[in-house]
Amino acid sequence: MQGEWSPQRDVLDVESLAGHLLAEGSVFRFLAEHRQRLFPDALFADLFPSGRGRPSIPGEVIASVIVLQSLHGLSDREAVEALTFDLRWKAACGFPIDAKGFDASSLTVWRRRLASSGRPQRIFEVVRDVIAATGAVKGRQRRALDSTILDDAVARQDTVTQLIAQVRRVGREVPGAHQVIGERCTRLAALTGQGYDSTAKPRIAWDDAQARDELVTALVNDALALLDGLDVETITAAGGKPAEAIALLALVAGQDVEPAEDSDGTDGQWRIARRVAPDRVISTVDPEARHAHKTVERRQDGFKAHVVVEPDTGLATMVELTKAAGPDNSDATVGARLVVADPTIDTGAVEVLGDSAYATGDMLHTLEGKGWAALVKPWPTRPAVAGGFGNDDFTHDPAAGTLTCPAGITKTITKTRKAVFGIACRACPFRQRCTTAAKGRTIQLHPHDLLQRQHRQRALDADFQATYRQHRPMVERTIAWLTRGSRKVPYRGVDRNNNWLHNRIAAINLRRLLALGLTHGPTGWTIA
């Protein structure tokens, strides 16, 4: 049943004895004074539908601990230790000096209850309601978008480690699979002398390419033999952990390998592929972690955190954690979805700021449909010849459905949105500045090509650039607050880390509100 906090204070209540020592404007002091108002019992009533059983820890206490834990980047055990020994934590949560903190597993139980509820990010939503109540962002019609890569909580695995680990997992998760492994998955033991019951790395000559290929061949064929020996259709239809284990084994058995040299793919000879799968699973421990390239030179493994920030205050109004790769998780795709759904934006004109990752045609189309202004750095045009003609040098006539080159040659745009100049380029005096293709130039137009052209022209305006330079940098500061001490996510999987990210942003928003002068008076929450 739901636990409730007693309004009667203990003799050794820390807030009564030493509350005056808490720093003005600190999160500790704010929670000590307002945690019951911020996190009332009704906020968590749906998590405890039964009125029977032992009372839970009061919701205001758990919520306060989650806020402080997220703000300071502590583990569950560290957070409970802080609640036991740090007087600031005791004052913030209403504990007396001699009270012992609860068991760390209680935080796990509460996170699971929240995650399975209809409002898993309610702590973030409560703080956002406070933002709205203060009017801190009311009438502020700019939003800045950005993202950052957060490191995953597991080690990246190579192909060999993934295959061995996943065969072992299938043996644990799928009924009867352990016997199938013993009967059919014998190639690894025949090659190295050790089977799947060993956790050690296979003993081979790792500096020998042929030995590595033989090992990969043995592992892939063992994985395929295991899948062939199981009723995959029935297991998949039943769902659950067995189905997940089977699906992941099939994935890792194919994502990093290709037929060996001089093999047609039917003789069972394999090698590590000479490329990287675009959506490669990097660890069977956390299948949702991904490779990501924030820049060409810098690669990280993990997840991507997306934020929508009001640039004058630095308050994050929307946030989401996704996989670090894939078209559905791109900055523009997620950013457009978040900013359109932002409940703190009033009706009327809005300016959306972002770097060039947000300047896709689809993003511009979404903002135009809302009647909002896109103050995003445009994608640079890359001419086929350095210093030569780019796409903007070709005149696009949407009414006639044609594209005219700098030499005055006009071509009809095809159904696939291509303009093929072909043979017309042979005698063109501008050929050297236009294309190096033997068959002449072909231009592929984006469905929103006109929007992109217009946007590139608007970006040349001095007012556009001045507004961008003035208001865009604040989102970088919010990202810095987010990642300070929390560059690595604490959990596995998108959902759990997404909930953590919302709690982290809620704590940062609360601290930012206090810096802006958050108070509570007769009229409610206000900014002093």
Protein backbone atom coordinates (compact mmCIF):
# COMPACT_ATOMS: atom_id res chain seq x y z
CA MET A 1 0.00 0.00 0.00
CA GLN A 2 1.05 3.61 -0.43
CA GLY A 3 3.10 5.10 2.37
CA GLU A 4 2.42 8.60 3.65
CA TRP A 5 4.73 11.02 5.41
CA SER A 6 3.81 11.97 8.94
CA PRO A 7 3.53 15.75 9.47
CA GLN A 8 4.73 15.30 13.05
CA ARG A 9 8.44 16.06 13.23
CA ASP A 10 11.01 14.02 15.12
CA VAL A 11 12.97 15.57 17.98
CA LEU A 12 16.17 15.12 15.97
CA ASP A 13 14.68 16.37 12.72
CA VAL A 14 17.60 17.78 10.70
CA GLU A 15 15.61 20.56 9.07
CA SER A 16 14.44 21.84 12.47
CA LEU A 17 17.93 21.66 13.98
CA ALA A 18 20.13 22.76 11.12
CA GLY A 19 17.89 23.71 8.22
CA HIS A 20 19.20 27.27 8.39
CA LEU A 21 22.62 25.98 7.34
CA LEU A 22 21.33 24.83 3.95
CA ALA A 23 22.46 27.20 1.21
CA GLU A 24 19.84 29.60 -0.11
CA GLY A 25 18.77 28.60 -3.59
CA SER A 26 20.09 25.04 -3.25
CA VAL A 27 18.09 21.99 -4.28
CA PHE A 28 18.56 20.60 -0.75
CA ARG A 29 16.85 23.60 0.85
CA PHE A 30 14.12 23.69 -1.76
CA LEU A 31 13.21 20.03 -1.21
CA ALA A 32 13.33 20.46 2.55
CA GLU A 33 10.74 23.24 2.29
CA HIS A 34 8.63 22.16 -0.69
CA ARG A 35 8.98 18.42 -1.37
CA GLN A 36 5.42 17.71 -0.14
CA ARG A 37 4.03 20.46 -2.38
CA LEU A 38 6.12 19.32 -5.35
CA PHE A 39 5.50 15.57 -4.90
CA PRO A 40 2.14 15.10 -3.13
CA ASP A 41 0.85 11.65 -2.23
CA ALA A 42 -1.73 11.83 -5.04
CA LEU A 43 1.08 11.94 -7.60
CA PHE A 44 1.97 8.30 -6.89
CA ALA A 45 -1.43 6.90 -5.87
CA ASP A 46 -1.79 4.87 -9.09
CA LEU A 47 1.39 2.92 -8.28
CA PHE A 48 -0.30 1.36 -5.25
CA PRO A 49 -3.82 0.30 -6.26
CA SER A 50 -4.16 -2.02 -3.27
CA GLY A 51 -4.85 -0.57 0.16
CA ARG A 52 -3.46 -3.65 1.86
CA GLY A 53 0.01 -4.73 2.82
CA ARG A 54 2.99 -3.00 4.36
CA PRO A 55 3.13 0.77 3.66
CA SER A 56 5.69 1.79 1.06
CA ILE A 57 8.29 4.49 1.49
CA PRO A 58 6.48 7.84 1.08
CA GLY A 59 6.47 9.04 -2.51
CA GLU A 60 7.84 12.47 -1.61
CA VAL A 61 10.90 10.82 -0.06
CA ILE A 62 11.59 8.53 -3.04
CA ALA A 63 11.03 11.36 -5.52
CA SER A 64 13.39 13.65 -3.57
CA VAL A 65 16.06 10.94 -3.48
CA ILE A 66 15.65 10.32 -7.24
CA VAL A 67 16.06 14.04 -7.94
CA LEU A 68 19.20 14.30 -5.81
CA GLN A 69 20.58 11.02 -7.14
CA SER A 70 20.05 12.16 -10.73
CA LEU A 71 21.52 15.59 -10.04
CA HIS A 72 24.71 14.23 -8.45
CA GLY A 73 25.11 11.13 -10.64
CA LEU A 74 25.08 8.56 -7.82
CA SER A 75 24.35 4.86 -7.89
CA ASP A 76 21.50 3.46 -5.79
CA ARG A 77 23.87 2.37 -3.04
CA GLU A 78 25.67 5.72 -3.03
CA ALA A 79 22.35 7.59 -2.88
CA VAL A 80 21.17 5.58 0.14
CA GLU A 81 24.51 6.09 1.85
CA ALA A 82 24.17 9.83 1.27
CA LEU A 83 20.67 9.71 2.78
CA THR A 84 22.09 7.93 5.82
CA PHE A 85 25.20 10.03 6.46
CA ASP A 86 24.76 13.40 4.68
CA LEU A 87 22.77 15.92 6.75
CA ARG A 88 21.81 17.85 3.60
CA TRP A 89 20.11 14.76 2.17
CA LYS A 90 18.39 14.08 5.49
CA ALA A 91 17.05 17.63 5.64
CA ALA A 92 15.89 17.48 2.02
CA CYS A 93 14.01 14.22 2.63
CA GLY A 94 12.73 14.99 6.14
CA PHE A 95 14.84 12.41 7.96
CA PRO A 96 16.02 12.76 11.58
CA ILE A 97 19.73 12.63 12.35
CA ASP A 98 19.72 9.06 13.66
CA ALA A 99 17.54 7.58 10.88
CA LYS A 100 19.01 4.94 8.59
CA GLY A 101 18.32 5.12 4.88
CA PHE A 102 16.12 2.49 3.27
CA ASP A 103 17.50 -0.48 1.33
CA ALA A 104 18.94 0.42 -2.08
CA SER A 105 16.70 -2.15 -3.77
CA SER A 106 13.70 0.08 -2.98
CA LEU A 107 14.86 2.50 -5.68
CA THR A 108 14.87 -0.36 -8.18
CA VAL A 109 11.33 -1.34 -7.18
CA TRP A 110 10.08 2.23 -7.53
CA ARG A 111 11.73 2.69 -10.94
CA ARG A 112 10.05 -0.47 -12.16
CA ARG A 113 6.67 0.67 -10.89
CA LEU A 114 7.11 4.04 -12.56
CA ALA A 115 8.33 2.46 -15.82
CA SER A 116 5.30 0.18 -16.04
CA SER A 117 2.85 2.97 -15.23
CA GLY A 118 1.06 5.28 -17.63
CA ARG A 119 3.32 8.21 -16.64
CA PRO A 120 6.90 6.90 -16.34
CA GLN A 121 8.39 10.43 -16.59
CA ARG A 122 6.07 12.10 -14.07
CA ILE A 123 8.92 13.66 -12.07
CA PHE A 124 10.07 15.49 -15.20
CA GLU A 125 6.48 16.48 -15.97
CA VAL A 126 5.98 17.86 -12.46
CA VAL A 127 9.03 20.10 -12.79
CA ARG A 128 7.88 21.18 -16.25
CA ASP A 129 4.51 22.10 -14.74
CA VAL A 130 6.37 24.28 -12.26
CA ILE A 131 8.16 25.95 -15.19
CA ALA A 132 4.80 26.66 -16.80
CA ALA A 133 3.29 27.90 -13.53
CA THR A 134 6.09 30.41 -12.98
CA GLY A 135 5.66 31.83 -16.49
CA ALA A 136 9.41 31.45 -17.01
CA VAL A 137 8.92 30.43 -20.65
CA LYS A 138 5.52 32.03 -21.28
CA GLY A 139 5.61 34.16 -24.40
CA ARG A 140 9.13 32.98 -25.25
CA GLN A 141 8.71 31.70 -28.76
CA ARG A 142 12.18 30.36 -29.45
CA ARG A 143 13.38 26.81 -28.98
CA ALA A 144 16.90 25.52 -29.57
CA LEU A 145 17.52 21.87 -30.48
CA ASP A 146 20.62 19.80 -29.90
CA SER A 147 21.78 16.28 -29.11
CA THR A 148 24.73 14.55 -27.55
CA ILE A 149 26.06 11.00 -27.42
CA LEU A 150 26.00 9.29 -24.03
CA ASP A 151 28.31 6.33 -23.50
CA ASP A 152 26.68 2.99 -22.84
CA ALA A 153 27.05 1.06 -19.59
CA VAL A 154 28.55 -2.08 -21.15
CA ALA A 155 31.75 -3.00 -22.93
CA ARG A 156 31.76 -3.25 -26.71
CA GLN A 157 32.07 -6.84 -27.90
CA ASP A 158 33.82 -8.10 -30.99
CA THR A 159 32.20 -10.61 -33.34
CA VAL A 160 33.73 -13.68 -31.67
CA THR A 161 32.69 -12.61 -28.18
CA GLN A 162 29.16 -11.80 -29.34
CA LEU A 163 28.66 -15.15 -31.04
CA ILE A 164 29.92 -17.18 -28.07
CA ALA A 165 27.95 -15.08 -25.56
CA GLN A 166 24.73 -15.37 -27.54
CA VAL A 167 24.98 -19.13 -28.03
CA ARG A 168 25.42 -19.39 -24.26
CA ARG A 169 22.42 -17.12 -23.71
CA VAL A 170 20.21 -19.23 -25.97
CA GLY A 171 21.30 -22.22 -23.92
CA ARG A 172 20.10 -20.46 -20.76
CA GLU A 173 16.90 -18.85 -22.05
CA VAL A 174 15.44 -21.43 -24.46
CA PRO A 175 14.13 -24.70 -23.01
CA GLY A 176 15.96 -27.67 -24.49
CA ALA A 177 18.57 -25.52 -26.23
CA HIS A 178 21.40 -26.62 -23.94
CA GLN A 179 21.02 -30.19 -25.18
CA VAL A 180 20.94 -29.03 -28.81
CA ILE A 181 24.17 -27.07 -28.23
CA GLY A 182 25.86 -30.19 -26.88
CA GLU A 183 24.76 -32.27 -29.84
CA ARG A 184 25.13 -29.85 -32.76
CA CYS A 185 27.50 -27.02 -31.77
CA THR A 186 30.73 -29.04 -31.82
CA ARG A 187 32.88 -27.09 -34.29
CA LEU A 188 34.30 -24.65 -31.73
CA ALA A 189 35.46 -27.50 -29.48
CA ALA A 190 36.90 -29.41 -32.43
CA LEU A 191 38.91 -26.36 -33.51
CA THR A 192 40.07 -24.94 -30.17
CA GLY A 193 39.55 -27.70 -27.62
CA GLN A 194 37.03 -25.67 -25.61
CA GLY A 195 33.26 -25.55 -25.88
CA TYR A 196 30.54 -23.08 -24.99
CA ASP A 197 30.71 -23.98 -21.31
CA SER A 198 33.99 -22.05 -21.08
CA THR A 199 34.03 -18.27 -20.59
CA ALA A 200 37.66 -17.94 -21.72
CA LYS A 201 38.55 -16.51 -25.11
CA PRO A 202 39.24 -19.27 -27.67
CA ARG A 203 42.88 -20.31 -27.88
CA ILE A 204 44.00 -19.59 -31.44
CA ALA A 205 46.81 -17.71 -33.16
CA TRP A 206 45.07 -14.34 -33.15
CA ASP A 207 47.72 -12.73 -35.36
CA ASP A 208 47.02 -15.32 -38.08
CA ALA A 209 44.26 -14.22 -40.47
CA GLN A 210 43.53 -17.78 -41.57
CA ALA A 211 43.14 -18.92 -37.95
CA ARG A 212 40.71 -16.08 -37.28
CA ASP A 213 38.66 -16.98 -40.35
CA GLU A 214 38.54 -20.63 -39.26
CA LEU A 215 37.28 -19.57 -35.85
CA VAL A 216 34.60 -17.32 -37.34
CA THR A 217 33.56 -20.14 -39.68
CA ALA A 218 33.21 -22.54 -36.75
CA LEU A 219 31.19 -20.07 -34.67
CA VAL A 220 28.82 -19.04 -37.47
CA ASN A 221 28.17 -22.64 -38.48
CA ASP A 222 27.57 -23.61 -34.84
CA ALA A 223 25.08 -20.73 -34.54
CA LEU A 224 23.30 -21.80 -37.73
CA ALA A 225 23.23 -25.43 -36.56
CA LEU A 226 21.69 -24.31 -33.25
CA LEU A 227 19.00 -22.32 -35.02
CA ASP A 228 18.32 -25.26 -37.33
CA GLY A 229 17.94 -27.58 -34.34
CA LEU A 230 15.29 -25.44 -32.64
CA ASP A 231 11.68 -24.79 -33.54
CA VAL A 232 12.34 -21.12 -34.25
CA GLU A 233 8.82 -20.33 -35.50
CA THR A 234 7.16 -21.68 -32.35
CA ILE A 235 9.65 -19.96 -30.05
CA THR A 236 9.26 -16.65 -31.88
CA ALA A 237 5.46 -16.87 -31.80
CA ALA A 238 5.52 -17.45 -28.02
CA GLY A 239 7.60 -14.29 -27.49
CA GLY A 240 9.42 -13.40 -24.29
CA LYS A 241 13.10 -13.86 -23.49
CA PRO A 242 13.52 -17.08 -25.53
CA ALA A 243 12.30 -15.30 -28.68
CA GLU A 244 14.58 -12.33 -27.98
CA ALA A 245 17.57 -14.65 -27.54
CA ILE A 246 16.85 -16.48 -30.80
CA ALA A 247 16.41 -13.23 -32.76
CA LEU A 248 19.62 -11.76 -31.41
CA LEU A 249 21.60 -14.91 -32.22
CA ALA A 250 20.37 -14.80 -35.82
CA LEU A 251 21.32 -11.12 -35.99
CA VAL A 252 24.86 -11.42 -34.62
CA ALA A 253 25.50 -14.49 -36.77
CA GLY A 254 24.97 -12.41 -39.89
CA GLN A 255 25.77 -8.76 -39.19
CA ASP A 256 29.57 -8.96 -39.17
CA VAL A 257 30.40 -11.85 -41.51
CA GLU A 258 30.52 -12.49 -45.23
CA PRO A 259 31.47 -15.47 -47.40
CA ALA A 260 35.19 -16.18 -47.35
CA GLU A 261 37.33 -15.27 -50.32
CA ASP A 262 36.54 -17.44 -53.37
CA SER A 263 33.39 -18.70 -51.59
CA ASP A 264 29.90 -18.48 -53.08
CA GLY A 265 28.26 -18.46 -49.65
CA THR A 266 27.00 -22.05 -49.87
CA ASP A 267 30.07 -23.96 -48.65
CA GLY A 268 29.95 -22.73 -45.03
CA GLN A 269 33.18 -20.73 -45.22
CA TRP A 270 33.03 -17.32 -43.50
CA ARG A 271 35.19 -14.39 -42.54
CA ILE A 272 34.81 -11.06 -40.78
CA ALA A 273 33.10 -8.67 -43.19
CA ARG A 274 35.21 -5.86 -44.71
CA ARG A 275 32.55 -3.31 -43.72
CA VAL A 276 30.47 -2.28 -40.72
CA ALA A 277 26.73 -2.94 -40.65
CA PRO A 278 24.88 0.41 -40.53
CA ASP A 279 22.80 -0.56 -37.47
CA ARG A 280 25.30 -2.92 -35.85
CA VAL A 281 24.58 -4.39 -32.44
CA ILE A 282 27.79 -3.74 -30.49
CA SER A 283 27.02 -5.85 -27.42
CA THR A 284 24.72 -8.75 -26.68
CA VAL A 285 24.55 -7.47 -23.08
CA ASP A 286 22.81 -4.29 -24.29
CA PRO A 287 21.47 -4.93 -27.82
CA GLU A 288 20.12 -1.38 -28.11
CA ALA A 289 23.50 0.36 -27.80
CA ARG A 290 24.96 1.51 -31.11
CA HIS A 291 28.02 2.96 -32.82
CA ALA A 292 27.71 6.70 -33.38
CA HIS A 293 29.82 9.32 -35.14
CA LYS A 294 29.40 12.79 -33.66
CA THR A 295 32.19 13.88 -36.02
CA VAL A 296 34.08 12.09 -38.78
CA GLU A 297 37.05 11.48 -36.49
CA ARG A 298 35.23 10.84 -33.20
CA ARG A 299 33.29 7.61 -32.69
CA GLN A 300 31.36 6.76 -29.55
CA ASP A 301 29.28 3.79 -28.50
CA GLY A 302 26.01 4.28 -26.68
CA PHE A 303 22.82 6.30 -27.01
CA LYS A 304 21.77 9.75 -28.16
CA ALA A 305 20.13 12.31 -25.88
CA HIS A 306 17.94 14.89 -27.66
CA VAL A 307 16.87 18.12 -25.92
CA VAL A 308 14.60 21.07 -26.69
CA VAL A 309 15.70 24.17 -24.76
CA GLU A 310 14.20 27.61 -24.27
CA PRO A 311 17.37 29.62 -25.03
CA ASP A 312 16.77 32.66 -22.81
CA THR A 313 16.42 30.60 -19.62
CA GLY A 314 18.29 27.40 -20.48
CA LEU A 315 15.30 25.30 -19.35
CA ALA A 316 14.77 22.03 -21.22
CA THR A 317 11.12 21.61 -22.15
CA MET A 318 11.34 18.31 -24.05
CA VAL A 319 13.87 15.49 -23.95
CA GLU A 320 14.23 11.97 -25.31
CA LEU A 321 16.89 9.27 -25.39
CA THR A 322 17.13 7.07 -28.48
CA LYS A 323 19.50 4.64 -30.12
CA ALA A 324 22.58 6.43 -31.40
CA ALA A 325 22.11 5.37 -35.03
CA GLY A 326 19.39 4.80 -37.59
CA PRO A 327 17.22 7.17 -39.66
CA ASP A 328 14.40 7.11 -37.09
CA ASN A 329 16.83 8.41 -34.46
CA SER A 330 18.43 11.22 -36.45
CA ASP A 331 18.64 14.70 -34.94
CA ALA A 332 16.15 16.16 -37.41
CA THR A 333 13.61 13.34 -37.10
CA VAL A 334 13.56 13.31 -33.30
CA GLY A 335 13.99 17.07 -33.00
CA ALA A 336 10.97 17.78 -35.22
CA ARG A 337 8.84 15.35 -33.24
CA LEU A 338 9.84 16.84 -29.89
CA VAL A 339 9.52 20.53 -30.73
CA VAL A 340 6.10 20.06 -32.34
CA ALA A 341 4.88 18.25 -29.20
CA ASP A 342 6.33 20.82 -26.75
CA PRO A 343 3.40 21.78 -24.45
CA THR A 344 5.13 24.96 -23.25
CA ILE A 345 4.97 26.64 -26.68
CA ASP A 346 2.14 29.14 -27.07
CA THR A 347 0.22 29.47 -30.30
CA GLY A 348 1.76 31.83 -32.81
CA ALA A 349 5.06 32.23 -34.57
CA VAL A 350 8.00 30.20 -33.25
CA GLU A 351 11.70 30.32 -34.13
CA VAL A 352 13.47 26.96 -34.04
CA LEU A 353 17.27 27.05 -33.78
CA GLY A 354 19.66 24.22 -34.51
CA ASP A 355 22.86 23.24 -36.25
CA SER A 356 23.04 21.81 -39.76
CA ALA A 357 21.90 18.36 -38.59
CA TYR A 358 18.40 19.85 -38.34
CA ALA A 359 18.35 21.39 -41.82
CA THR A 360 16.89 18.39 -43.62
CA GLY A 361 14.13 18.92 -46.16
CA ASP A 362 11.67 16.99 -44.01
CA MET A 363 12.45 19.14 -40.97
CA LEU A 364 12.00 22.35 -42.97
CA HIS A 365 8.73 20.98 -44.34
CA THR A 366 7.47 20.20 -40.82
CA LEU A 367 8.28 23.69 -39.55
CA GLU A 368 6.75 25.34 -42.60
CA GLY A 369 3.57 23.37 -42.02
CA LYS A 370 3.41 24.83 -38.51
CA GLY A 371 4.12 28.33 -39.79
CA TRP A 372 7.35 28.41 -37.75
CA ALA A 373 10.70 29.92 -38.76
CA ALA A 374 13.66 27.59 -39.15
CA LEU A 375 16.79 29.33 -37.82
CA VAL A 376 19.00 26.34 -38.47
CA LYS A 377 22.38 26.31 -40.11
CA PRO A 378 21.77 25.14 -43.70
CA TRP A 379 23.33 22.06 -45.16
CA PRO A 380 26.34 23.08 -47.26
CA THR A 381 26.06 22.38 -50.97
CA ARG A 382 28.86 20.23 -52.33
CA PRO A 383 29.62 20.89 -55.99
CA ALA A 384 30.76 17.95 -58.09
CA VAL A 385 33.92 19.91 -58.91
CA ALA A 386 35.75 21.87 -56.22
CA GLY A 387 34.89 25.54 -56.66
CA GLY A 388 32.44 24.70 -59.42
CA PHE A 389 28.67 24.83 -59.81
CA GLY A 390 26.45 23.58 -57.01
CA ASN A 391 22.77 22.67 -57.14
CA ASP A 392 21.76 26.25 -56.35
CA ASP A 393 23.38 27.38 -59.60
CA PHE A 394 20.73 25.37 -61.46
CA THR A 395 17.35 27.10 -61.82
CA HIS A 396 14.47 24.95 -60.60
CA ASP A 397 11.08 25.74 -62.17
CA PRO A 398 8.50 23.71 -60.19
CA ALA A 399 5.59 24.84 -62.39
CA ALA A 400 7.22 23.56 -65.58
CA GLY A 401 8.96 20.68 -63.79
CA THR A 402 12.34 21.61 -65.26
CA LEU A 403 15.92 22.34 -64.18
CA THR A 404 18.12 24.75 -66.12
CA CYS A 405 21.91 24.61 -65.89
CA PRO A 406 24.26 27.67 -65.87
CA ALA A 407 24.79 27.19 -69.63
CA GLY A 408 21.07 27.67 -70.25
CA ILE A 409 20.27 24.03 -71.04
CA THR A 410 16.88 22.96 -69.64
CA LYS A 411 15.95 19.38 -68.76
CA THR A 412 12.68 17.90 -67.54
CA ILE A 413 12.72 16.52 -64.01
CA THR A 414 11.84 12.81 -64.04
CA LYS A 415 9.37 11.02 -61.78
CA THR A 416 12.29 9.99 -59.58
CA ARG A 417 13.23 13.70 -59.31
CA LYS A 418 16.33 13.49 -61.48
CA ALA A 419 17.53 15.94 -64.11
CA VAL A 420 19.80 14.16 -66.60
CA PHE A 421 21.90 16.49 -68.76
CA GLY A 422 23.90 13.65 -70.30
CA ILE A 423 25.04 14.32 -73.88
CA ALA A 424 24.37 18.05 -73.53
CA CYS A 425 27.47 18.29 -71.32
CA ARG A 426 29.88 17.14 -74.05
CA ALA A 427 30.29 20.47 -75.83
CA CYS A 428 29.40 22.66 -72.85
CA PRO A 429 32.03 25.39 -72.19
CA PHE A 430 31.32 25.08 -68.44
CA ARG A 431 31.90 21.32 -68.28
CA GLN A 432 35.18 21.57 -66.37
CA ARG A 433 33.46 23.64 -63.69
CA CYS A 434 30.40 21.40 -63.51
CA THR A 435 31.13 17.67 -63.68
CA THR A 436 33.79 15.02 -64.13
CA ALA A 437 31.30 12.29 -65.08
CA ALA A 438 31.92 10.77 -68.49
CA LYS A 439 28.17 10.61 -69.17
CA GLY A 440 27.53 14.18 -68.11
CA ARG A 441 25.89 15.58 -65.03
CA THR A 442 22.85 14.12 -63.32
CA ILE A 443 21.23 15.98 -60.41
CA GLN A 444 19.04 14.23 -57.87
CA LEU A 445 16.57 16.67 -56.34
CA HIS A 446 15.19 16.27 -52.82
CA PRO A 447 11.37 16.27 -52.55
CA HIS A 448 11.70 19.53 -50.62
CA ASP A 449 14.45 20.99 -52.80
CA LEU A 450 12.74 24.37 -53.12
CA LEU A 451 12.41 24.70 -49.35
CA GLN A 452 16.10 23.95 -48.92
CA ARG A 453 17.04 26.50 -51.58
CA GLN A 454 14.88 29.17 -49.97
CA HIS A 455 16.32 28.34 -46.56
CA ARG A 456 19.89 28.70 -47.79
CA GLN A 457 19.02 32.13 -49.11
CA ARG A 458 17.40 33.19 -45.82
CA ALA A 459 20.48 32.03 -43.93
CA LEU A 460 22.53 34.71 -45.73
CA ASP A 461 20.47 37.44 -44.07
CA ALA A 462 22.29 39.41 -41.37
CA ASP A 463 19.33 39.27 -38.96
CA PHE A 464 19.13 35.48 -39.35
CA GLN A 465 22.81 35.11 -38.49
CA ALA A 466 22.65 37.58 -35.59
CA THR A 467 19.72 35.79 -33.96
CA TYR A 468 21.38 32.41 -34.47
CA ARG A 469 24.65 33.57 -32.90
CA GLN A 470 22.85 35.19 -29.96
CA HIS A 471 20.43 32.43 -28.98
CA ARG A 472 21.89 29.16 -30.24
CA PRO A 473 24.81 28.85 -27.72
CA MET A 474 22.57 28.43 -24.65
CA VAL A 475 21.58 24.92 -25.65
CA GLU A 476 25.27 23.98 -25.57
CA ARG A 477 25.38 25.08 -21.94
CA THR A 478 22.36 22.92 -21.12
CA ILE A 479 24.08 19.97 -22.81
CA ALA A 480 27.17 20.68 -20.66
CA TRP A 481 25.02 20.61 -17.51
CA LEU A 482 23.52 17.32 -18.66
CA THR A 483 26.82 15.57 -19.34
CA ARG A 484 28.83 16.92 -16.40
CA GLY A 485 29.58 13.81 -14.37
CA SER A 486 26.98 11.83 -16.31
CA ARG A 487 28.49 11.13 -19.71
CA LYS A 488 27.80 7.42 -19.24
CA VAL A 489 24.25 6.13 -18.86
CA PRO A 490 23.68 3.96 -15.77
CA TYR A 491 21.40 1.29 -17.23
CA ARG A 492 20.89 -0.99 -20.22
CA GLY A 493 18.37 -0.35 -22.96
CA VAL A 494 16.59 2.69 -24.36
CA ASP A 495 13.53 2.71 -22.09
CA ARG A 496 15.31 2.61 -18.74
CA ASN A 497 17.91 5.14 -19.80
CA ASN A 498 15.21 7.38 -21.29
CA ASN A 499 13.50 7.45 -17.89
CA TRP A 500 16.84 8.22 -16.25
CA LEU A 501 17.45 11.06 -18.72
CA HIS A 502 14.08 12.62 -17.89
CA ASN A 503 14.91 12.49 -14.18
CA ARG A 504 18.33 13.98 -14.82
CA ILE A 505 16.86 16.85 -16.84
CA ALA A 506 14.16 17.38 -14.19
CA ALA A 507 16.86 17.83 -11.54
CA ILE A 508 18.85 20.20 -13.78
CA ASN A 509 15.71 22.21 -14.57
CA LEU A 510 14.93 22.47 -10.87
CA ARG A 511 18.39 23.73 -10.10
CA ARG A 512 18.13 26.22 -12.97
CA LEU A 513 14.74 27.46 -11.73
CA LEU A 514 16.26 28.07 -8.30
CA ALA A 515 19.06 30.06 -9.91
CA LEU A 516 16.38 32.16 -11.63
CA GLY A 517 14.73 32.83 -8.24
CA LEU A 518 12.02 30.16 -7.87
CA THR A 519 9.76 30.76 -4.87
CA HIS A 520 6.30 29.77 -3.71
CA GLY A 521 3.90 32.43 -2.49
CA PRO A 522 0.18 33.07 -2.09
CA THR A 523 -0.32 32.92 -5.85
CA GLY A 524 1.71 29.74 -6.33
CA TRP A 525 5.05 29.19 -8.02
CA THR A 526 6.78 32.37 -9.14
CA ILE A 527 10.18 33.60 -10.31
CA ALA A 528 11.36 36.34 -7.95
